[in-house]
Amino acid sequence: MAQNVTVTAVNDAIAQGDRTVAIKHIETSSDANYNKIFFPTINVDIADNDQVINGTNKRDTLTGSSGSDFITGLQGGDTLTGGAGSDQFIYTSLRDAGDTITDFQAGTDKIVLTQLFQNLSLGSLNYETARLQGYLSFGTTGSDTTIFIAPNGLSTAANSTSLITVQDVDQATLANANNFLF
């Protein structure tokens, strides 16, 4: 049985903050076989006043807001600060390498590698496969963790690009599928 649920959020000029919304299911059918069907809960996240922040091909310092931000540094060794909220740090190319994320909140913020991996013709990979096949690896310097990308799957220093340094997040915390989107 097909289900379609559409949730549309409309951005307005009023900052109201994030909200929790309950969606009530009503089942109706003219076929007795489908009466009393249980529909599972639908979870919907709507964040108010998300901000899209794009850098340039130069060295930028980009700072998000108290809301959920979508930050793309682009080329140049950028310094990225998401601020409060569930932020997404988006990478599209290996030319985006050399960035530093200053305030990554593990389990809340996300590092988005979807377009980067698609551009490397690796779009079918998920976090686990990328790690196992050597396309994604991590290193530690002090309290910071560096994310390395190896486009050929050989995660050696000679074959990897240092994409991002995440300040004050240890490798054991950062190297978790919940911190990434593929």
C-alpha atoms as a PDB file:
ATOM      1  CA  MET A   1       0.000   0.000   0.000  1.00  0.00           C
ATOM      2  CA  ALA A   2       1.513   3.311  -1.057  1.00  0.00           C
ATOM      3  CA  GLN A   3       1.823   6.189   1.366  1.00  0.00           C
ATOM      4  CA  ASN A   4       2.537   9.758   0.439  1.00  0.00           C
ATOM      5  CA  VAL A   5       3.108  12.382   3.075  1.00  0.00           C
ATOM      6  CA  THR A   6       3.996  15.929   2.161  1.00  0.00           C
ATOM      7  CA  VAL A   7       5.070  18.476   4.748  1.00  0.00           C
ATOM      8  CA  THR A   8       5.684  21.997   3.545  1.00  0.00           C
ATOM      9  CA  ALA A   9       7.258  24.653   5.722  1.00  0.00           C
ATOM     10  CA  VAL A  10       6.832  28.274   4.746  1.00  0.00           C
ATOM     11  CA  ASN A  11       9.560  30.722   5.658  1.00  0.00           C
ATOM     12  CA  ASP A  12       8.279  33.981   7.041  1.00  0.00           C
ATOM     13  CA  ALA A  13       9.897  37.081   8.474  1.00  0.00           C
ATOM     14  CA  ILE A  14       9.152  36.133  12.080  1.00  0.00           C
ATOM     15  CA  ALA A  15      11.822  34.254  14.031  1.00  0.00           C
ATOM     16  CA  GLN A  16       9.818  31.697  16.003  1.00  0.00           C
ATOM     17  CA  GLY A  17      12.428  29.048  16.714  1.00  0.00           C
ATOM     18  CA  ASP A  18      12.308  25.347  15.986  1.00  0.00           C
ATOM     19  CA  ARG A  19       9.003  23.531  16.518  1.00  0.00           C
ATOM     20  CA  THR A  20       7.739  20.038  17.116  1.00  0.00           C
ATOM     21  CA  VAL A  21       4.718  19.160  15.009  1.00  0.00           C
ATOM     22  CA  ALA A  22       2.357  16.213  15.509  1.00  0.00           C
ATOM     23  CA  ILE A  23       0.814  14.720  12.393  1.00  0.00           C
ATOM     24  CA  LYS A  24      -2.403  12.813  13.033  1.00  0.00           C
ATOM     25  CA  HIS A  25      -3.164   9.868  10.764  1.00  0.00           C
ATOM     26  CA  ILE A  26      -6.734   9.168   9.746  1.00  0.00           C
ATOM     27  CA  GLU A  27      -7.375   5.848   8.027  1.00  0.00           C
ATOM     28  CA  THR A  28     -10.422   5.413   5.831  1.00  0.00           C
ATOM     29  CA  SER A  29     -11.230   2.638   3.410  1.00  0.00           C
ATOM     30  CA  SER A  30     -14.175   1.159   1.591  1.00  0.00           C
ATOM     31  CA  ASP A  31     -12.432  -2.240   1.734  1.00  0.00           C
ATOM     32  CA  ALA A  32     -12.880  -4.160   5.013  1.00  0.00           C
ATOM     33  CA  ASN A  33      -9.418  -5.709   4.553  1.00  0.00           C
ATOM     34  CA  TYR A  34      -7.854  -2.316   5.177  1.00  0.00           C
ATOM     35  CA  ASN A  35      -9.888  -1.240   8.211  1.00  0.00           C
ATOM     36  CA  LYS A  36      -7.993  -0.741  11.475  1.00  0.00           C
ATOM     37  CA  ILE A  37      -4.603  -0.528   9.777  1.00  0.00           C
ATOM     38  CA  PHE A  38      -1.877   0.899  11.988  1.00  0.00           C
ATOM     39  CA  PHE A  39       0.272   3.642  10.503  1.00  0.00           C
ATOM     40  CA  PRO A  40       3.608   4.289  12.208  1.00  0.00           C
ATOM     41  CA  THR A  41       4.562   7.694  13.568  1.00  0.00           C
ATOM     42  CA  ILE A  42       6.019  10.135  11.080  1.00  0.00           C
ATOM     43  CA  ASN A  43       8.881  12.276  12.345  1.00  0.00           C
ATOM     44  CA  VAL A  44       9.231  15.704  10.786  1.00  0.00           C
ATOM     45  CA  ASP A  45      11.969  18.208  11.556  1.00  0.00           C
ATOM     46  CA  ILE A  46      11.220  21.808  10.683  1.00  0.00           C
ATOM     47  CA  ALA A  47      13.917  24.294  11.607  1.00  0.00           C
ATOM     48  CA  ASP A  48      12.958  27.940  11.505  1.00  0.00           C
ATOM     49  CA  ASN A  49      14.979  30.496   9.599  1.00  0.00           C
ATOM     50  CA  ASP A  50      17.729  28.248   8.283  1.00  0.00           C
ATOM     51  CA  GLN A  51      20.567  30.194   6.773  1.00  0.00           C
ATOM     52  CA  VAL A  52      22.485  29.291   3.613  1.00  0.00           C
ATOM     53  CA  ILE A  53      26.036  30.639   3.783  1.00  0.00           C
ATOM     54  CA  ASN A  54      28.372  30.322   0.803  1.00  0.00           C
ATOM     55  CA  GLY A  55      32.021  31.275   0.703  1.00  0.00           C
ATOM     56  CA  THR A  56      34.161  32.255  -2.261  1.00  0.00           C
ATOM     57  CA  ASN A  57      37.221  30.780  -3.948  1.00  0.00           C
ATOM     58  CA  LYS A  58      39.339  32.787  -1.515  1.00  0.00           C
ATOM     59  CA  ARG A  59      40.182  32.213   2.158  1.00  0.00           C
ATOM     60  CA  ASP A  60      36.936  33.019   4.015  1.00  0.00           C
ATOM     61  CA  THR A  61      35.794  33.216   7.620  1.00  0.00           C
ATOM     62  CA  LEU A  62      32.135  32.154   7.666  1.00  0.00           C
ATOM     63  CA  THR A  63      29.987  32.315  10.791  1.00  0.00           C
ATOM     64  CA  GLY A  64      26.507  30.858  11.125  1.00  0.00           C
ATOM     65  CA  SER A  65      23.599  32.011  13.231  1.00  0.00           C
ATOM     66  CA  SER A  66      21.769  30.631  16.245  1.00  0.00           C
ATOM     67  CA  GLY A  67      19.584  28.635  13.832  1.00  0.00           C
ATOM     68  CA  SER A  68      20.383  25.669  11.634  1.00  0.00           C
ATOM     69  CA  ASP A  69      22.825  26.729   8.930  1.00  0.00           C
ATOM     70  CA  PHE A  70      23.995  25.249   5.615  1.00  0.00           C
ATOM     71  CA  ILE A  71      27.616  26.361   5.207  1.00  0.00           C
ATOM     72  CA  THR A  72      29.661  25.804   2.037  1.00  0.00           C
ATOM     73  CA  GLY A  73      33.144  27.275   2.243  1.00  0.00           C
ATOM     74  CA  LEU A  74      34.178  26.478  -1.339  1.00  0.00           C
ATOM     75  CA  GLN A  75      37.832  26.931  -2.316  1.00  0.00           C
ATOM     76  CA  GLY A  76      40.491  28.405  -0.091  1.00  0.00           C
ATOM     77  CA  GLY A  77      41.348  27.320   3.433  1.00  0.00           C
ATOM     78  CA  ASP A  78      38.219  28.591   5.147  1.00  0.00           C
ATOM     79  CA  THR A  79      37.411  28.965   8.834  1.00  0.00           C
ATOM     80  CA  LEU A  80      33.839  27.793   9.451  1.00  0.00           C
ATOM     81  CA  THR A  81      31.802  28.380  12.605  1.00  0.00           C
ATOM     82  CA  GLY A  82      28.238  27.090  12.656  1.00  0.00           C
ATOM     83  CA  GLY A  83      27.007  28.630  15.882  1.00  0.00           C
ATOM     84  CA  ALA A  84      24.053  27.079  17.708  1.00  0.00           C
ATOM     85  CA  GLY A  85      21.547  24.889  15.896  1.00  0.00           C
ATOM     86  CA  SER A  86      21.964  21.794  13.738  1.00  0.00           C
ATOM     87  CA  ASP A  87      24.477  22.958  11.158  1.00  0.00           C
ATOM     88  CA  GLN A  88      25.564  21.272   7.935  1.00  0.00           C
ATOM     89  CA  PHE A  89      29.056  21.831   6.549  1.00  0.00           C
ATOM     90  CA  ILE A  90      28.826  21.018   2.841  1.00  0.00           C
ATOM     91  CA  TYR A  91      31.728  19.868   0.642  1.00  0.00           C
ATOM     92  CA  THR A  92      31.418  19.643  -3.144  1.00  0.00           C
ATOM     93  CA  SER A  93      34.991  19.224  -4.411  1.00  0.00           C
ATOM     94  CA  LEU A  94      38.510  18.320  -3.284  1.00  0.00           C
ATOM     95  CA  ARG A  95      39.335  21.948  -4.113  1.00  0.00           C
ATOM     96  CA  ASP A  96      37.363  22.792  -0.941  1.00  0.00           C
ATOM     97  CA  ALA A  97      40.245  21.264   1.075  1.00  0.00           C
ATOM     98  CA  GLY A  98      42.050  23.011   3.898  1.00  0.00           C
ATOM     99  CA  ASP A  99      39.028  24.154   5.913  1.00  0.00           C
ATOM    100  CA  THR A 100      38.831  24.347   9.690  1.00  0.00           C
ATOM    101  CA  ILE A 101      35.537  23.843  11.527  1.00  0.00           C
ATOM    102  CA  THR A 102      35.767  25.577  14.898  1.00  0.00           C
ATOM    103  CA  ASP A 103      32.630  24.457  16.754  1.00  0.00           C
ATOM    104  CA  PHE A 104      31.410  21.098  15.420  1.00  0.00           C
ATOM    105  CA  GLN A 105      28.815  19.535  17.727  1.00  0.00           C
ATOM    106  CA  ALA A 106      29.027  15.756  17.290  1.00  0.00           C
ATOM    107  CA  GLY A 107      25.612  14.137  16.965  1.00  0.00           C
ATOM    108  CA  THR A 108      23.971  17.464  16.084  1.00  0.00           C
ATOM    109  CA  ASP A 109      25.982  19.010  13.247  1.00  0.00           C
ATOM    110  CA  LYS A 110      26.716  17.142   9.997  1.00  0.00           C
ATOM    111  CA  ILE A 111      29.555  17.078   7.494  1.00  0.00           C
ATOM    112  CA  VAL A 112      27.913  16.637   4.096  1.00  0.00           C
ATOM    113  CA  LEU A 113      30.008  14.731   1.548  1.00  0.00           C
ATOM    114  CA  THR A 114      27.163  13.825  -0.844  1.00  0.00           C
ATOM    115  CA  GLN A 115      28.104  16.070  -3.763  1.00  0.00           C
ATOM    116  CA  LEU A 116      31.856  15.610  -3.208  1.00  0.00           C
ATOM    117  CA  PHE A 117      31.547  11.840  -3.535  1.00  0.00           C
ATOM    118  CA  GLN A 118      29.191  12.181  -6.528  1.00  0.00           C
ATOM    119  CA  ASN A 119      31.751  14.427  -8.236  1.00  0.00           C
ATOM    120  CA  LEU A 120      34.405  11.742  -7.607  1.00  0.00           C
ATOM    121  CA  SER A 121      32.067   9.140  -9.186  1.00  0.00           C
ATOM    122  CA  LEU A 122      31.683   7.531  -5.757  1.00  0.00           C
ATOM    123  CA  GLY A 123      28.055   8.507  -5.191  1.00  0.00           C
ATOM    124  CA  SER A 124      26.949   5.000  -4.235  1.00  0.00           C
ATOM    125  CA  LEU A 125      29.116   4.890  -1.107  1.00  0.00           C
ATOM    126  CA  ASN A 126      27.816   5.296   2.416  1.00  0.00           C
ATOM    127  CA  TYR A 127      29.872   6.076   5.513  1.00  0.00           C
ATOM    128  CA  GLU A 128      30.738   2.476   6.364  1.00  0.00           C
ATOM    129  CA  THR A 129      31.743   1.546   2.812  1.00  0.00           C
ATOM    130  CA  ALA A 130      33.805   4.722   2.378  1.00  0.00           C
ATOM    131  CA  ARG A 131      35.745   3.886   5.563  1.00  0.00           C
ATOM    132  CA  LEU A 132      36.207   0.195   4.748  1.00  0.00           C
ATOM    133  CA  GLN A 133      37.359   0.857   1.193  1.00  0.00           C
ATOM    134  CA  GLY A 134      39.803   3.607   2.209  1.00  0.00           C
ATOM    135  CA  TYR A 135      38.071   6.623   0.660  1.00  0.00           C
ATOM    136  CA  LEU A 136      37.495   8.274   4.047  1.00  0.00           C
ATOM    137  CA  SER A 137      39.988   8.279   6.917  1.00  0.00           C
ATOM    138  CA  PHE A 138      40.854  10.300  10.007  1.00  0.00           C
ATOM    139  CA  GLY A 139      43.967  11.580  11.758  1.00  0.00           C
ATOM    140  CA  THR A 140      44.609  13.342  15.048  1.00  0.00           C
ATOM    141  CA  THR A 141      46.756  16.339  15.951  1.00  0.00           C
ATOM    142  CA  GLY A 142      46.409  17.345  19.590  1.00  0.00           C
ATOM    143  CA  SER A 143      42.697  17.740  20.335  1.00  0.00           C
ATOM    144  CA  ASP A 144      41.786  18.209  16.652  1.00  0.00           C
ATOM    145  CA  THR A 145      40.726  15.589  14.096  1.00  0.00           C
ATOM    146  CA  THR A 146      41.533  15.808  10.396  1.00  0.00           C
ATOM    147  CA  ILE A 147      39.319  14.202   7.754  1.00  0.00           C
ATOM    148  CA  PHE A 148      41.149  12.757   4.744  1.00  0.00           C
ATOM    149  CA  ILE A 149      39.639  11.852   1.363  1.00  0.00           C
ATOM    150  CA  ALA A 150      41.390   9.395  -0.976  1.00  0.00           C
ATOM    151  CA  PRO A 151      39.687   9.491  -4.396  1.00  0.00           C
ATOM    152  CA  ASN A 152      41.261   6.170  -5.422  1.00  0.00           C
ATOM    153  CA  GLY A 153      40.451   4.370  -2.176  1.00  0.00           C
ATOM    154  CA  LEU A 154      44.064   4.165  -1.027  1.00  0.00           C
ATOM    155  CA  SER A 155      44.045   6.031   2.256  1.00  0.00           C
ATOM    156  CA  THR A 156      47.785   6.608   2.527  1.00  0.00           C
ATOM    157  CA  ALA A 157      49.339  10.001   3.178  1.00  0.00           C
ATOM    158  CA  ALA A 158      50.588  10.204  -0.422  1.00  0.00           C
ATOM    159  CA  ASN A 159      47.150   9.461  -1.892  1.00  0.00           C
ATOM    160  CA  SER A 160      44.889  11.412   0.472  1.00  0.00           C
ATOM    161  CA  THR A 161      43.741  15.010   0.606  1.00  0.00           C
ATOM    162  CA  SER A 162      43.388  16.691   3.991  1.00  0.00           C
ATOM    163  CA  LEU A 163      39.858  18.018   3.548  1.00  0.00           C
ATOM    164  CA  ILE A 164      38.863  19.375   6.963  1.00  0.00           C
ATOM    165  CA  THR A 165      40.353  19.910  10.403  1.00  0.00           C
ATOM    166  CA  VAL A 166      37.689  19.757  13.100  1.00  0.00           C
ATOM    167  CA  GLN A 167      38.863  21.602  16.200  1.00  0.00           C
ATOM    168  CA  ASP A 168      38.434  20.169  19.694  1.00  0.00           C
ATOM    169  CA  VAL A 169      36.653  16.967  18.606  1.00  0.00           C
ATOM    170  CA  ASP A 170      38.580  13.747  19.137  1.00  0.00           C
ATOM    171  CA  GLN A 171      38.767  11.082  16.460  1.00  0.00           C
ATOM    172  CA  ALA A 172      36.712   8.522  18.410  1.00  0.00           C
ATOM    173  CA  THR A 173      33.839  11.017  18.623  1.00  0.00           C
ATOM    174  CA  LEU A 174      34.023  12.374  15.068  1.00  0.00           C
ATOM    175  CA  ALA A 175      34.522   9.037  13.258  1.00  0.00           C
ATOM    176  CA  ASN A 176      30.844   8.119  13.542  1.00  0.00           C
ATOM    177  CA  ALA A 177      28.298   7.724  10.739  1.00  0.00           C
ATOM    178  CA  ASN A 178      25.862  10.008  12.623  1.00  0.00           C
ATOM    179  CA  ASN A 179      28.170  12.975  11.966  1.00  0.00           C
ATOM    180  CA  PHE A 180      28.125  12.588   8.168  1.00  0.00           C
ATOM    181  CA  LEU A 181      25.709  12.702   5.247  1.00  0.00           C
ATOM    182  CA  PHE A 182      26.556  10.830   2.055  1.00  0.00           C
END
